[in-house]
Protein backbone atom coordinates (compact mmCIF):
# COMPACT_ATOMS: atom_id res chain seq x y z
CA MET A 1 0.28 0.31 -0.36
CA LEU A 2 0.62 3.81 -1.24
CA LYS A 3 2.23 6.13 2.68
CA ALA A 4 -0.58 8.51 1.63
CA GLU A 5 -3.16 5.42 1.59
CA LEU A 6 -2.14 3.88 4.90
CA ARG A 7 -2.18 7.79 6.48
CA LYS A 8 -6.13 8.25 5.35
CA LYS A 9 -6.12 4.28 7.02
CA TYR A 10 -5.59 4.70 10.04
CA LYS A 11 -6.06 8.17 11.20
CA MET A 12 -8.81 7.42 11.00
CA LEU A 13 -8.46 3.71 12.34
CA ARG A 14 -7.15 5.61 15.69
CA LYS A 15 -10.16 8.53 15.62
CA ASP A 16 -12.27 5.70 16.58
CA LEU A 17 -10.88 4.53 19.37
CA SER A 18 -12.30 5.59 22.69
CA THR A 19 -10.20 7.55 24.80
CA SER A 20 -10.21 3.85 27.29
CA GLN A 21 -9.72 2.51 24.35
CA ILE A 22 -6.14 4.44 23.74
CA ASP A 23 -5.15 3.66 27.19
CA ASP A 24 -5.92 0.60 27.56
CA LEU A 25 -4.24 -0.11 24.38
CA SER A 26 -1.14 2.06 25.65
CA ILE A 27 -0.10 0.05 28.89
CA SER A 28 -0.83 -2.76 27.05
CA ILE A 29 2.06 -1.12 24.79
CA ALA A 30 4.74 0.01 27.42
CA ASN A 31 4.04 -4.04 29.12
CA GLN A 32 5.57 -5.25 26.08
CA LEU A 33 8.84 -2.74 25.59
CA LEU A 34 9.40 -4.43 28.68
CA LYS A 35 10.58 -8.14 27.21
CA LEU A 36 12.99 -5.66 24.47
CA PRO A 37 16.36 -5.66 25.74
CA VAL A 38 16.73 -2.12 25.72
CA TRP A 39 16.77 -0.85 29.08
CA GLU A 40 20.54 -1.00 29.72
CA PHE A 41 20.96 2.15 28.00
CA SER A 42 21.41 6.31 30.23
CA PHE A 43 19.21 8.32 27.30
CA TYR A 44 15.63 8.07 25.81
CA HIS A 45 13.77 10.13 23.58
CA ILE A 46 10.61 10.05 23.42
CA PHE A 47 7.55 12.04 21.92
CA LEU A 48 4.67 13.83 24.13
CA ALA A 49 1.21 11.99 22.88
CA ILE A 50 -0.18 14.66 20.20
CA GLU A 51 -3.73 13.76 22.46
CA GLU A 52 -6.27 15.02 19.29
CA HIS A 53 -4.55 12.97 16.82
CA HIS A 54 -5.44 9.43 19.53
CA GLU A 55 -1.67 8.51 19.10
CA VAL A 56 0.21 5.87 21.70
CA ASN A 57 -0.36 7.55 26.13
CA THR A 58 3.30 7.44 26.55
CA ASP A 59 2.78 8.50 29.85
CA TYR A 60 2.97 4.74 30.55
CA ILE A 61 6.51 4.94 29.79
CA LEU A 62 8.02 7.60 31.16
CA ASN A 63 6.74 5.66 34.83
CA ILE A 64 9.06 3.12 33.70
CA LEU A 65 11.45 5.54 32.48
CA SER A 66 11.69 7.53 35.92
CA GLY A 67 11.35 4.73 37.38
CA LYS A 68 14.75 2.97 36.36
CA ASP A 69 15.97 6.84 36.32
CA LYS A 70 16.50 7.08 33.01
CA ASN A 71 17.67 10.32 31.44
CA ILE A 72 14.29 11.52 28.52
CA LEU A 73 14.35 13.33 26.47
CA ILE A 74 11.82 15.06 24.17
CA SER A 75 12.15 17.66 21.25
CA LYS A 76 10.64 20.39 20.11
CA SER A 77 9.91 20.85 16.61
CA ASP A 78 11.04 24.11 14.09
CA PHE A 79 8.34 23.83 11.10
CA GLU A 80 10.46 26.37 9.07
CA THR A 81 13.95 24.03 9.18
CA GLY A 82 12.32 20.64 9.47
CA LEU A 83 14.41 19.74 12.43
CA MET A 84 13.47 19.37 16.43
CA THR A 85 15.58 20.12 18.91
CA HIS A 86 16.01 17.76 22.06
CA PHE A 87 15.89 18.78 25.56
CA LEU A 88 16.38 16.64 28.90
CA LEU A 89 12.18 16.62 31.02
CA THR A 90 13.27 17.03 34.23
CA ASP A 91 11.10 18.54 37.09
CA ASN A 92 11.50 22.29 36.40
CA THR A 93 9.94 21.57 32.02
CA VAL A 94 7.58 23.46 31.32
CA ILE A 95 5.61 22.38 28.59
CA LYS A 96 3.31 23.33 26.18
CA LYS A 97 1.59 22.59 22.95
CA ASN A 98 1.93 24.61 19.68
CA SER A 99 0.43 25.56 16.99
CA TYR A 100 0.12 22.23 16.10
CA ASN A 101 -1.28 20.65 19.70
CA ILE A 102 2.32 19.11 20.06
CA PRO A 103 3.28 19.17 23.31
CA GLU A 104 7.25 20.54 23.96
CA PRO A 105 9.18 22.03 26.71
CA VAL A 106 10.26 25.39 26.93
CA ASP A 107 13.12 25.42 26.95
CA GLY A 108 15.80 23.85 28.50
CA ILE A 109 19.06 21.35 29.25
CA GLU A 110 19.73 20.86 25.47
CA ILE A 111 21.26 17.04 24.21
CA SER A 112 22.63 16.57 21.02
CA ASN A 113 21.36 13.54 18.93
CA GLU A 114 24.87 11.67 19.64
CA LYS A 115 24.46 10.74 23.27
CA ILE A 116 20.78 9.33 22.25
CA GLU A 117 21.10 5.82 22.18
CA VAL A 118 17.12 4.86 22.00
CA VAL A 119 14.01 6.58 20.53
CA PHE A 120 10.62 5.74 20.43
CA ILE A 121 8.94 6.75 16.99
CA PRO A 122 5.41 7.56 16.64
CA LEU A 123 4.14 5.53 13.91
CA LEU A 124 0.32 5.93 11.41
CA ALA A 125 1.24 2.43 9.73
CA PHE A 126 4.39 0.51 9.40
CA ASP A 127 5.41 -2.94 7.51
CA GLU A 128 7.36 -6.59 8.00
CA LYS A 129 10.08 -4.34 6.98
CA GLY A 130 10.24 -2.45 9.50
CA ASN A 131 9.60 0.39 7.28
CA ARG A 132 7.07 3.34 9.24
CA VAL A 133 4.33 5.65 7.68
CA GLY A 134 4.32 9.11 9.82
CA TYR A 135 2.05 12.60 9.07
CA GLY A 136 4.58 13.11 6.34
CA LYS A 137 6.72 15.81 7.81
CA GLY A 138 10.06 14.04 7.24
CA PHE A 139 11.05 15.63 11.21
CA TYR A 140 11.91 11.71 12.54
CA ASP A 141 14.61 11.10 8.75
CA ARG A 142 15.70 13.93 9.58
CA PHE A 143 16.07 13.14 13.84
CA LEU A 144 16.73 9.62 13.12
CA ALA A 145 19.41 10.34 10.49
CA ASP A 146 21.84 12.40 12.30
CA CYS A 147 21.55 9.84 15.10
CA LYS A 148 24.54 7.44 15.96
CA PRO A 149 23.53 4.26 13.63
CA GLU A 150 24.20 1.42 16.94
CA THR A 151 21.25 4.01 17.86
CA ILE A 152 17.95 1.97 19.04
CA LYS A 153 15.00 3.20 17.23
CA ILE A 154 11.28 1.55 18.39
CA GLY A 155 8.33 2.34 16.29
CA LEU A 156 4.73 2.48 18.78
CA SER A 157 1.77 1.51 17.08
CA PHE A 158 -1.71 1.04 18.22
CA PHE A 159 -2.14 -1.57 15.51
CA GLU A 160 -0.28 -4.64 13.71
CA ALA A 161 2.07 -4.25 10.47
CA GLU A 162 1.08 -4.05 7.07
CA THR A 163 3.01 -6.44 4.82
CA GLU A 164 4.68 -4.27 2.68
CA ILE A 165 4.70 0.19 1.74
CA THR A 166 4.98 0.06 -1.80
CA ASN A 167 7.09 3.47 -1.64
CA VAL A 168 9.27 3.44 0.13
CA PHE A 169 12.51 6.10 -0.50
CA GLU A 170 16.27 5.82 0.66
CA SER A 171 15.76 8.66 3.09
CA ASP A 172 13.65 6.60 5.57
CA VAL A 173 14.67 5.05 8.30
CA LYS A 174 14.15 2.03 9.05
CA MET A 175 12.85 0.96 12.98
CA ASP A 176 14.55 -1.94 14.87
CA TYR A 177 11.63 -3.04 16.37
CA SER A 178 7.80 -1.79 16.73
CA VAL A 179 5.86 -2.63 19.78
CA THR A 180 2.67 -2.66 19.20
CA PRO A 181 -0.50 -4.04 21.93
CA ASP A 182 -0.28 -7.78 21.43
CA LYS A 183 2.89 -8.33 19.16
CA VAL A 184 7.14 -6.90 19.47
CA TYR A 185 8.62 -6.55 16.00
CA GLY A 186 12.19 -7.56 15.12
CA PHE A 187 13.94 -6.03 11.94
């Protein structure tokens, strides 16, 4: 299937999820993540869910990371450059929604991409080869391409894998894992 078709399909599927379904599925995803061999690292980048888009609620993963005393990084998107800046999440971090309803840090301690060891990626869809579909702005492709090659990339999705995304680009960065409420995919 083409990315545009997948975007449309999965936006509709997510739109049909209730708040309680999103919470239940998000808890299941967090529990599935505990099966992965990725908890010995220090710097974890995570997205904060856009509630209006019915994204995976990452609060449960944030609790796991906090409980394991990890350095948690969240980003701020620059829509003019298409780049993200990453900040250490602390007790003093002020978070506000931008004009696209993305919760972002106002400011804070900036952390370079080179320090990031694990990235949790929001997905609309993905395939059995580790290719992914996001919103199409390329923020994560640019960000992941700028990380170290050994950085572990983990997609989070409410839905299982498609067989194949047919219009994958050379600049698309594949994931190492994708986690759904029922399964962990390794690529």
